[in-house]
Amino acid sequence: MAAAHLLRHTVENPCRYGSVMTTDPLPRPADAEHLTKALRRSGAVGTVCVSNVVVMSSLKKLRSHTLRLHLDYEGPAGDAPSSVILKMGHLDSAGHPSNTNDREIAFYRDIAPALPARVVPHCFEAIDAAGGTAWHLLLEDLTDSHFIATAWPLPPSLEQCESIVQAWARFHAAWWDHPRLGVSVGDATSWERHLGGFAERFECSTDRFGEFMPRERRDLYERLIEQTPLLLGRTRRNLTVIHGDAHWWNCFLPRPVNREGVRFIDWESWHIGTATMDLAYMMAMLWYPDRRRRMERPLLDLYHAELLTRGVSGYDRQALGDDYRLSALWLITRPVAQAMNNIPPRVWWNNLERIMLAVDDLGCRDLLS
């Protein structure tokens, strides 16, 4: 997280919360009273009270504001967290939430607690946006226990990639064809609705960026749009919860000094789909051909073996490969959506060129014949 100035929030009587001295008031979810109650409800602390809060770093983005908070306690704190991450939304000029982040709130409320293995940060509190308050998440701080493998856009090492794909298998297996999918968890039609509006976005993108869409590429997109209903019929089974933005820098790897596992962050884009969408996003779209050709198949083999270990049945290696090819084909829609959402060209153009190379290498055009 980015470095920032430190703010100190001092409570004179730590268990009464009445007298607070501060030169720059913290947002309500970050004050000692609220943190004590939230940590108690989550079971992270017993009767001990938070007595002091220090903002160790602050990072503001368009849709959220993230604070790393150091916590002091009155008396012995035991295993109570010494720091937490507060991620929260913004209020607009009228004092209303500028966005609701319903998807990430729902993930930590409905999905994360049902995971048998810790592959996401522990969430102490997930609060929806209301009329005059922004949404917020109070999360485990991974700064000291984990790290991001590389600086974007450099890929992780092979060993790190192996750890990450095995962790994805553990996550995906936990929700594989789960009876709650599309019922009480997620919307089974969200991907179909996304594709339903793609034809219009593609037409707009060719008007703006036609130089990058020669006739051969346009033909591919037009065939994909035409055959979308047929291709969707192949993805009714072997569904799970997928991240939707599973790039390598949303993965936190454990530091050598601890025995923690991989953690995945930033769940604003999760939805129901085939697990290979996350895998193809990481490799087919984000890797250049030489690395992908060397590492793609062994990593898919490792992923499949971990799926079987985690109890997924009736899904052989051939089925995984078929789904992976189809996912790579679907992903040609992603750079178009990124361009139309004003994502910088250094992102969407490189994604477009790489995924087109992967489509050719994997024979994905044959899926449209």
Protein backbone atom coordinates (compact mmCIF):
# COMPACT_ATOMS: atom_id res chain seq x y z
CA MET A 1 0.00 0.00 0.00
CA ALA A 2 1.13 3.57 -0.63
CA ALA A 3 2.88 5.43 2.18
CA ALA A 4 0.99 8.36 3.67
CA HIS A 5 0.95 10.70 6.62
CA LEU A 6 0.10 9.26 10.03
CA LEU A 7 -2.96 10.27 11.98
CA ARG A 8 -3.30 9.49 15.65
CA HIS A 9 -6.64 8.86 17.30
CA THR A 10 -6.31 8.88 21.11
CA VAL A 11 -9.00 7.77 23.53
CA GLU A 12 -8.53 9.12 27.05
CA ASN A 13 -10.71 6.45 28.70
CA PRO A 14 -10.33 3.42 26.46
CA CYS A 15 -13.42 1.56 27.63
CA ARG A 16 -15.82 4.49 27.73
CA TYR A 17 -15.16 6.03 24.28
CA GLY A 18 -16.54 9.35 25.48
CA SER A 19 -13.51 11.62 25.28
CA VAL A 20 -11.66 11.56 21.98
CA MET A 21 -8.77 13.89 21.13
CA THR A 22 -7.87 14.11 17.46
CA THR A 23 -6.61 16.79 15.11
CA ASP A 24 -8.07 15.07 12.05
CA PRO A 25 -11.06 12.86 12.89
CA LEU A 26 -11.02 9.36 11.53
CA PRO A 27 -14.04 8.02 9.66
CA ARG A 28 -16.52 6.33 11.95
CA PRO A 29 -15.55 2.73 10.95
CA ALA A 30 -11.95 3.53 11.96
CA ASP A 31 -12.55 4.91 15.44
CA ALA A 32 -11.75 2.91 18.54
CA GLU A 33 -15.33 2.38 19.63
CA HIS A 34 -16.47 0.98 16.31
CA LEU A 35 -13.39 -1.20 15.89
CA THR A 36 -13.77 -2.70 19.35
CA LYS A 37 -17.39 -3.66 18.69
CA ALA A 38 -16.67 -5.02 15.21
CA LEU A 39 -13.72 -7.13 16.37
CA ARG A 40 -15.75 -8.48 19.29
CA ARG A 41 -18.66 -9.47 17.04
CA SER A 42 -16.28 -11.31 14.72
CA GLY A 43 -14.66 -13.16 17.62
CA ALA A 44 -11.25 -11.58 17.00
CA VAL A 45 -11.06 -10.08 20.51
CA GLY A 46 -12.65 -10.84 23.86
CA THR A 47 -13.32 -8.15 26.42
CA VAL A 48 -10.24 -6.09 25.58
CA CYS A 49 -10.83 -2.60 24.15
CA VAL A 50 -9.08 -0.78 21.32
CA SER A 51 -7.44 2.23 22.96
CA ASN A 52 -5.54 3.87 20.13
CA VAL A 53 -5.73 3.90 16.33
CA VAL A 54 -2.97 5.05 13.99
CA VAL A 55 -3.33 5.34 10.23
CA MET A 56 -0.19 3.69 8.91
CA SER A 57 -0.99 4.29 5.23
CA SER A 58 -3.81 5.62 3.09
CA LEU A 59 -4.60 4.95 -0.56
CA LYS A 60 -7.41 6.75 -2.38
CA LYS A 61 -8.79 5.45 -5.64
CA LEU A 62 -11.75 6.46 -7.77
CA ARG A 63 -14.13 3.95 -6.16
CA SER A 64 -12.61 3.35 -2.74
CA HIS A 65 -10.37 4.58 0.06
CA THR A 66 -8.15 2.04 1.82
CA LEU A 67 -6.56 2.64 5.22
CA ARG A 68 -4.07 0.46 7.06
CA LEU A 69 -4.75 0.92 10.76
CA HIS A 70 -2.46 0.08 13.66
CA LEU A 71 -4.36 -0.81 16.82
CA ASP A 72 -3.32 -0.49 20.47
CA TYR A 73 -5.34 -2.18 23.20
CA GLU A 74 -6.01 -1.55 26.84
CA GLY A 75 -4.14 -4.31 28.65
CA PRO A 76 -2.92 -7.66 27.27
CA ALA A 77 -4.33 -8.20 23.77
CA GLY A 78 -3.36 -11.84 23.25
CA ASP A 79 -4.02 -12.84 19.63
CA ALA A 80 -5.99 -9.69 18.83
CA PRO A 81 -4.89 -8.19 15.49
CA SER A 82 -2.32 -5.43 15.82
CA SER A 83 -3.43 -3.93 12.51
CA VAL A 84 -6.38 -4.13 10.12
CA ILE A 85 -7.30 -2.94 6.65
CA LEU A 86 -10.30 -0.65 6.27
CA LYS A 87 -11.58 -0.43 2.71
CA MET A 88 -14.50 1.95 2.23
CA GLY A 89 -16.44 3.82 -0.40
CA HIS A 90 -16.83 7.54 -0.99
CA LEU A 91 -19.73 9.92 -0.46
CA ASP A 92 -20.74 12.31 -3.23
CA SER A 93 -21.20 16.05 -2.86
CA ALA A 94 -24.75 15.49 -1.57
CA GLY A 95 -23.54 13.13 1.16
CA HIS A 96 -24.81 9.93 -0.48
CA PRO A 97 -22.73 6.85 -1.37
CA SER A 98 -21.11 7.35 -4.76
CA ASN A 99 -21.13 3.57 -5.33
CA THR A 100 -22.43 0.60 -3.36
CA ASN A 101 -19.86 -2.16 -4.09
CA ASP A 102 -22.63 -4.67 -3.49
CA ARG A 103 -20.68 -7.46 -5.13
CA GLU A 104 -17.62 -7.35 -2.87
CA ILE A 105 -19.75 -6.85 0.24
CA ALA A 106 -21.81 -9.91 -0.74
CA PHE A 107 -18.64 -11.93 -1.34
CA TYR A 108 -17.30 -11.40 2.16
CA ARG A 109 -20.74 -11.79 3.72
CA ASP A 110 -22.04 -14.85 1.84
CA ILE A 111 -19.13 -16.68 0.18
CA ALA A 112 -15.96 -16.22 2.21
CA PRO A 113 -17.42 -17.68 5.45
CA ALA A 114 -18.28 -20.92 3.62
CA LEU A 115 -14.74 -21.52 2.35
CA PRO A 116 -13.16 -24.53 4.05
CA ALA A 117 -9.64 -23.22 3.41
CA ARG A 118 -8.30 -19.75 4.09
CA VAL A 119 -7.64 -18.44 0.59
CA VAL A 120 -9.03 -14.92 1.14
CA PRO A 121 -8.37 -12.37 3.89
CA HIS A 122 -10.42 -12.81 7.03
CA CYS A 123 -13.26 -10.27 7.09
CA PHE A 124 -14.14 -8.81 10.49
CA GLU A 125 -17.02 -6.68 9.17
CA ALA A 126 -18.85 -6.07 5.87
CA ILE A 127 -21.34 -3.20 5.87
CA ASP A 128 -23.55 -2.14 2.96
CA ALA A 129 -23.88 1.47 1.85
CA ALA A 130 -26.86 3.29 3.32
CA GLY A 131 -28.47 6.68 2.75
CA GLY A 132 -25.78 8.76 4.45
CA THR A 133 -22.98 6.25 4.97
CA ALA A 134 -20.58 4.59 2.55
CA TRP A 135 -19.96 0.84 2.42
CA HIS A 136 -16.93 -0.53 4.19
CA LEU A 137 -14.96 -3.72 4.75
CA LEU A 138 -12.78 -4.41 7.77
CA LEU A 139 -10.21 -6.98 6.67
CA GLU A 140 -7.22 -8.92 7.89
CA ASP A 141 -3.96 -7.04 7.28
CA LEU A 142 -1.65 -9.18 5.13
CA THR A 143 1.16 -6.65 4.86
CA ASP A 144 3.57 -8.36 7.24
CA SER A 145 2.60 -11.97 6.51
CA HIS A 146 2.28 -11.86 2.71
CA PHE A 147 3.66 -10.11 -0.36
CA ILE A 148 2.81 -9.53 -4.01
CA ALA A 149 5.30 -11.51 -6.07
CA THR A 150 6.29 -8.92 -8.67
CA ALA A 151 5.66 -5.42 -9.87
CA TRP A 152 3.17 -5.21 -12.76
CA PRO A 153 3.52 -6.38 -15.49
CA LEU A 154 6.28 -8.88 -14.61
CA PRO A 155 4.96 -12.43 -14.04
CA PRO A 156 5.73 -14.51 -10.94
CA SER A 157 8.28 -17.32 -10.94
CA LEU A 158 7.23 -20.85 -11.89
CA GLU A 159 7.23 -21.93 -8.24
CA GLN A 160 5.05 -18.98 -7.28
CA CYS A 161 2.69 -19.69 -10.19
CA GLU A 162 2.35 -23.27 -8.99
CA SER A 163 1.33 -22.11 -5.51
CA ILE A 164 -1.18 -19.69 -6.98
CA VAL A 165 -2.92 -22.15 -9.34
CA GLN A 166 -3.16 -24.75 -6.57
CA ALA A 167 -4.77 -22.14 -4.33
CA TRP A 168 -7.23 -21.33 -7.11
CA ALA A 169 -8.10 -25.01 -7.37
CA ARG A 170 -8.85 -25.09 -3.64
CA PHE A 171 -11.04 -22.03 -3.93
CA HIS A 172 -12.90 -23.16 -7.06
CA ALA A 173 -13.44 -26.67 -5.71
CA ALA A 174 -15.15 -25.30 -2.60
CA TRP A 175 -18.00 -23.90 -4.74
CA TRP A 176 -17.94 -26.40 -7.63
CA ASP A 177 -21.54 -26.90 -8.84
CA HIS A 178 -22.72 -25.84 -5.38
CA PRO A 179 -26.52 -25.93 -4.94
CA ARG A 180 -26.51 -22.33 -3.69
CA LEU A 181 -25.08 -20.99 -6.95
CA GLY A 182 -27.65 -18.84 -8.69
CA VAL A 183 -30.09 -19.38 -5.82
CA SER A 184 -28.78 -17.62 -2.73
CA VAL A 185 -25.31 -16.86 -4.10
CA GLY A 186 -24.78 -14.92 -7.30
CA ASP A 187 -26.75 -14.54 -10.51
CA ALA A 188 -26.41 -17.43 -12.95
CA THR A 189 -27.32 -15.15 -15.87
CA SER A 190 -24.82 -12.33 -15.25
CA TRP A 191 -22.33 -13.56 -17.87
CA GLU A 192 -25.09 -14.01 -20.42
CA ARG A 193 -26.29 -10.46 -19.80
CA HIS A 194 -22.74 -9.19 -20.20
CA LEU A 195 -22.45 -10.93 -23.56
CA GLY A 196 -25.90 -9.71 -24.56
CA GLY A 197 -24.61 -6.14 -24.66
CA PHE A 198 -21.30 -6.96 -26.27
CA ALA A 199 -22.37 -6.50 -29.91
CA GLU A 200 -23.12 -2.84 -29.29
CA ARG A 201 -19.86 -2.28 -27.42
CA PHE A 202 -17.94 -3.97 -30.22
CA GLU A 203 -19.54 -1.73 -32.84
CA CYS A 204 -18.62 1.35 -30.82
CA SER A 205 -15.07 0.14 -30.31
CA THR A 206 -14.50 -0.41 -34.02
CA ASP A 207 -15.66 3.15 -34.65
CA ARG A 208 -13.08 4.44 -32.17
CA PHE A 209 -10.25 1.93 -32.62
CA GLY A 210 -10.79 0.49 -36.08
CA GLU A 211 -7.07 0.50 -36.82
CA PHE A 212 -6.64 -2.34 -34.33
CA MET A 213 -9.52 -4.34 -35.79
CA PRO A 214 -8.54 -5.52 -39.29
CA ARG A 215 -11.09 -7.48 -41.28
CA GLU A 216 -9.90 -10.89 -40.05
CA ARG A 217 -10.39 -9.87 -36.42
CA ARG A 218 -13.77 -8.33 -37.11
CA ASP A 219 -14.85 -11.59 -38.73
CA LEU A 220 -13.81 -13.48 -35.59
CA TYR A 221 -15.80 -11.16 -33.34
CA GLU A 222 -18.83 -11.28 -35.61
CA ARG A 223 -18.77 -15.10 -35.63
CA LEU A 224 -18.46 -15.14 -31.84
CA ILE A 225 -21.42 -12.80 -31.45
CA GLU A 226 -23.49 -14.90 -33.87
CA GLN A 227 -22.69 -18.17 -32.10
CA THR A 228 -22.86 -16.90 -28.52
CA PRO A 229 -26.18 -18.66 -27.73
CA LEU A 230 -24.78 -21.99 -28.93
CA LEU A 231 -21.51 -21.58 -27.03
CA LEU A 232 -23.31 -20.63 -23.84
CA GLY A 233 -25.03 -23.99 -23.99
CA ARG A 234 -21.65 -25.62 -23.31
CA THR A 235 -21.22 -23.84 -19.96
CA ARG A 236 -24.22 -25.04 -17.94
CA ARG A 237 -22.23 -27.48 -15.81
CA ASN A 238 -18.99 -27.42 -13.84
CA LEU A 239 -19.68 -23.90 -12.62
CA THR A 240 -18.20 -22.22 -9.59
CA VAL A 241 -17.53 -18.79 -8.11
CA ILE A 242 -14.85 -17.04 -10.16
CA HIS A 243 -12.90 -13.91 -9.39
CA GLY A 244 -13.46 -12.10 -12.67
CA ASP A 245 -10.22 -10.08 -12.42
CA ALA A 246 -7.76 -12.83 -11.53
CA HIS A 247 -4.51 -11.18 -12.50
CA TRP A 248 -1.31 -12.17 -10.70
CA TRP A 249 -1.21 -8.95 -8.65
CA ASN A 250 -4.46 -9.77 -6.90
CA CYS A 251 -2.60 -12.68 -5.27
CA PHE A 252 -0.78 -12.37 -1.96
CA LEU A 253 1.93 -14.99 -1.41
CA PRO A 254 3.04 -16.02 2.09
CA ARG A 255 6.39 -14.81 3.34
CA PRO A 256 8.88 -17.60 4.11
CA VAL A 257 8.72 -16.91 7.84
CA ASN A 258 5.12 -18.09 8.19
CA ARG A 259 3.03 -21.08 7.19
CA GLU A 260 0.13 -19.13 5.78
CA GLY A 261 -1.19 -19.90 2.30
CA VAL A 262 -1.96 -17.78 -0.76
CA ARG A 263 -4.65 -15.13 -0.34
CA PHE A 264 -6.77 -13.58 -3.10
CA ILE A 265 -7.99 -9.99 -2.82
CA ASP A 266 -10.26 -7.47 -4.61
CA TRP A 267 -13.52 -9.33 -5.13
CA GLU A 268 -15.49 -6.56 -6.84
CA SER A 269 -15.94 -8.53 -10.08
CA TRP A 270 -16.78 -12.06 -8.89
CA HIS A 271 -19.57 -13.97 -10.58
CA ILE A 272 -20.67 -17.49 -11.45
CA GLY A 273 -18.82 -19.11 -14.33
CA THR A 274 -16.35 -21.76 -15.42
CA ALA A 275 -13.16 -21.83 -13.37
CA THR A 276 -11.03 -21.69 -16.50
CA MET A 277 -12.06 -18.06 -17.00
CA ASP A 278 -9.77 -17.16 -14.10
CA LEU A 279 -6.99 -19.41 -15.40
CA ALA A 280 -7.18 -18.14 -18.97
CA TYR A 281 -7.20 -14.56 -17.74
CA MET A 282 -3.94 -15.16 -15.87
CA MET A 283 -2.12 -17.01 -18.61
CA ALA A 284 -3.75 -16.74 -22.04
CA MET A 285 -4.36 -13.00 -21.80
CA LEU A 286 -1.51 -11.81 -19.59
CA TRP A 287 1.42 -13.87 -20.85
CA TYR A 288 3.41 -13.55 -24.04
CA PRO A 289 3.67 -16.68 -26.20
CA ASP A 290 7.06 -18.04 -25.13
CA ARG A 291 6.24 -18.13 -21.41
CA ARG A 292 2.70 -19.36 -22.01
CA ARG A 293 3.83 -22.20 -24.26
CA ARG A 294 6.36 -23.38 -21.65
CA MET A 295 4.24 -23.09 -18.53
CA GLU A 296 0.55 -23.19 -19.48
CA ARG A 297 0.08 -26.96 -19.82
CA PRO A 298 2.09 -27.97 -16.70
CA LEU A 299 0.17 -25.44 -14.61
CA LEU A 300 -3.17 -26.70 -15.94
CA ASP A 301 -2.08 -30.25 -15.10
CA LEU A 302 -1.22 -29.16 -11.56
CA TYR A 303 -4.51 -27.30 -11.21
CA HIS A 304 -6.51 -30.32 -12.35
CA ALA A 305 -4.69 -32.65 -9.97
CA GLU A 306 -5.50 -30.31 -7.08
CA LEU A 307 -9.17 -30.20 -8.13
CA LEU A 308 -9.34 -33.98 -7.89
CA THR A 309 -7.62 -33.92 -4.50
CA ARG A 310 -10.27 -31.46 -3.31
CA GLY A 311 -13.13 -33.74 -4.27
CA VAL A 312 -14.18 -32.53 -7.72
CA SER A 313 -15.34 -35.54 -9.76
CA GLY A 314 -16.65 -36.15 -13.27
CA TYR A 315 -14.32 -33.52 -14.72
CA ASP A 316 -11.40 -35.01 -16.59
CA ARG A 317 -8.31 -33.29 -17.93
CA GLN A 318 -9.78 -33.13 -21.43
CA ALA A 319 -12.82 -31.26 -20.12
CA LEU A 320 -10.54 -28.77 -18.39
CA GLY A 321 -8.62 -28.23 -21.62
CA ASP A 322 -11.83 -27.75 -23.61
CA ASP A 323 -13.14 -25.22 -21.09
CA TYR A 324 -9.81 -23.41 -21.12
CA ARG A 325 -9.92 -22.98 -24.89
CA LEU A 326 -13.47 -21.67 -24.75
CA SER A 327 -12.54 -19.29 -21.95
CA ALA A 328 -9.67 -17.93 -24.02
CA LEU A 329 -12.11 -17.32 -26.85
CA TRP A 330 -14.57 -15.51 -24.55
CA LEU A 331 -11.71 -13.34 -23.31
CA ILE A 332 -11.33 -11.57 -26.63
CA THR A 333 -14.33 -9.59 -25.42
CA ARG A 334 -12.40 -8.27 -22.38
CA PRO A 335 -10.03 -5.81 -24.11
CA VAL A 336 -12.98 -4.35 -26.00
CA ALA A 337 -14.86 -3.78 -22.74
CA GLN A 338 -11.71 -2.31 -21.18
CA ALA A 339 -11.23 0.12 -24.06
CA MET A 340 -14.86 1.25 -23.88
CA ASN A 341 -14.52 1.74 -20.11
CA ASN A 342 -11.55 4.05 -20.71
CA ILE A 343 -8.97 1.67 -19.29
CA PRO A 344 -5.57 2.99 -20.49
CA PRO A 345 -4.38 1.62 -23.85
CA ARG A 346 -1.21 0.25 -22.22
CA VAL A 347 -3.57 -2.26 -20.58
CA TRP A 348 -6.25 -3.07 -23.13
CA TRP A 349 -4.08 -3.00 -26.26
CA ASN A 350 -1.48 -5.39 -24.83
CA ASN A 351 -4.31 -7.64 -23.57
CA LEU A 352 -5.86 -7.63 -27.04
CA GLU A 353 -2.65 -8.60 -28.80
CA ARG A 354 -1.77 -11.34 -26.30
CA ILE A 355 -5.21 -12.95 -26.24
CA MET A 356 -5.32 -12.99 -30.03
CA LEU A 357 -1.99 -14.85 -30.09
CA ALA A 358 -3.34 -17.33 -27.54
CA VAL A 359 -6.52 -17.87 -29.57
CA ASP A 360 -4.39 -18.86 -32.55
CA ASP A 361 -2.05 -21.08 -30.51
CA LEU A 362 -4.92 -22.91 -28.82
CA GLY A 363 -6.98 -23.38 -31.98
CA CYS A 364 -9.92 -21.47 -30.48
CA ARG A 365 -11.25 -20.46 -33.91
CA ASP A 366 -12.17 -24.13 -34.43
CA LEU A 367 -14.82 -23.73 -31.71
CA LEU A 368 -16.73 -21.48 -34.12
CA SER A 369 -16.69 -23.84 -37.10
